[in-house]
Amino acid sequence: MSKKPEQGSPGAAPQNAPMAKVIPIGSNKCTFDECKAKPARAGFCDEHFTWFKEGLITKEGHRSPDFDKKYQAFARRKKAA
C-alpha cells in the first residue's frame, strides 16, 4: 500500500499550482522543418499537406528517406495533370 504525501510534506504538490491552469496553444507554423507558413490542415500548410499525403514528408515534418525519387514522380504527375 502506498501512502499519499500529506499536504504539508515536502513531496506534496501545492493544490493551486499556477501551472495547473496553463492551456497549451497549438503551433503557429507548418510542421515541415523548412516552412514557416501558418498551418491549414493537420498541422501543415496546404502545399506541405499535399506532400504529406503523397508520402514525401513524415507526420513529424521530416523528409522521407527516398524524398528525391518520390518528389520527381510527384512533379511528373503534377505536370501531366
Protein backbone atom coordinates (compact mmCIF):
# COMPACT_ATOMS: atom_id res chain seq x y z
CA MET A 1 0.00 0.00 0.00
CA SER A 2 1.45 3.34 -0.98
CA LYS A 3 0.98 6.38 1.17
CA LYS A 4 -0.05 9.66 -0.34
CA PRO A 5 2.12 12.59 0.79
CA GLU A 6 0.48 14.83 3.34
CA GLN A 7 -0.29 18.39 2.32
CA GLY A 8 2.47 19.84 4.50
CA SER A 9 5.14 17.31 3.47
CA PRO A 10 7.95 18.28 1.06
CA GLY A 11 6.81 15.79 -1.65
CA ALA A 12 3.28 17.19 -1.90
CA ALA A 13 2.34 19.44 -4.80
CA PRO A 14 0.52 22.64 -3.91
CA GLN A 15 -3.18 22.45 -4.69
CA ASN A 16 -3.41 25.75 -6.55
CA ALA A 17 -0.25 25.39 -8.62
CA PRO A 18 -0.01 28.15 -11.27
CA MET A 19 0.86 25.61 -13.98
CA ALA A 20 -2.44 23.77 -13.43
CA LYS A 21 -4.31 26.44 -15.41
CA VAL A 22 -1.95 26.61 -18.39
CA ILE A 23 -3.61 25.69 -21.68
CA PRO A 24 -1.22 24.59 -24.45
CA ILE A 25 -1.57 26.59 -27.63
CA GLY A 26 -1.15 24.84 -30.95
CA SER A 27 1.79 25.51 -33.16
CA ASN A 28 1.62 28.64 -35.28
CA LYS A 29 3.83 27.34 -38.11
CA CYS A 30 3.75 24.43 -40.51
CA THR A 31 5.08 21.12 -39.14
CA PHE A 32 7.51 20.76 -42.06
CA ASP A 33 11.06 21.57 -40.91
CA GLU A 34 11.80 24.18 -43.55
CA CYS A 35 8.44 26.01 -43.63
CA LYS A 36 7.22 28.96 -41.59
CA ALA A 37 3.74 29.29 -43.12
CA LYS A 38 0.61 29.10 -41.00
CA PRO A 39 -0.84 25.57 -40.77
CA ALA A 40 -4.12 24.92 -42.54
CA ARG A 41 -4.76 21.17 -42.18
CA ALA A 42 -3.31 18.57 -39.80
CA GLY A 43 -0.52 20.94 -38.77
CA PHE A 44 0.73 21.51 -42.33
CA CYS A 45 0.22 24.39 -44.75
CA ASP A 46 -1.73 23.49 -47.90
CA GLU A 47 1.34 22.68 -50.01
CA HIS A 48 3.03 20.52 -47.40
CA PHE A 49 -0.24 18.75 -46.55
CA THR A 50 -0.26 17.58 -50.17
CA TRP A 51 3.37 16.46 -49.79
CA PHE A 52 2.40 14.56 -46.61
CA LYS A 53 -0.48 12.80 -48.39
CA GLU A 54 1.90 11.86 -51.24
CA GLY A 55 4.42 10.39 -48.77
CA LEU A 56 7.13 13.00 -49.37
CA ILE A 57 7.31 14.01 -45.70
CA THR A 58 6.56 12.25 -42.43
CA LYS A 59 3.92 13.26 -39.90
CA GLU A 60 6.72 14.77 -37.78
CA GLY A 61 7.63 17.08 -40.70
CA HIS A 62 10.86 15.41 -41.84
CA ARG A 63 11.66 14.39 -45.41
CA SER A 64 11.17 10.72 -46.20
CA PRO A 65 14.32 8.65 -46.84
CA ASP A 66 13.51 8.40 -50.58
CA PHE A 67 12.33 12.01 -50.92
CA ASP A 68 14.15 12.74 -54.21
CA LYS A 69 12.67 9.74 -56.01
CA LYS A 70 9.15 10.45 -54.71
CA TYR A 71 9.41 14.18 -55.47
CA GLN A 72 10.40 13.55 -59.09
CA ALA A 73 7.43 11.21 -59.55
CA PHE A 74 5.15 13.75 -57.84
CA ALA A 75 6.42 16.56 -60.12
CA ARG A 76 5.82 14.44 -63.24
CA ARG A 77 2.25 13.63 -62.16
CA LYS A 78 1.57 17.27 -61.32
CA LYS A 79 2.99 18.47 -64.66
CA ALA A 80 0.90 15.92 -66.62
CA ALA A 81 -2.33 17.00 -64.90
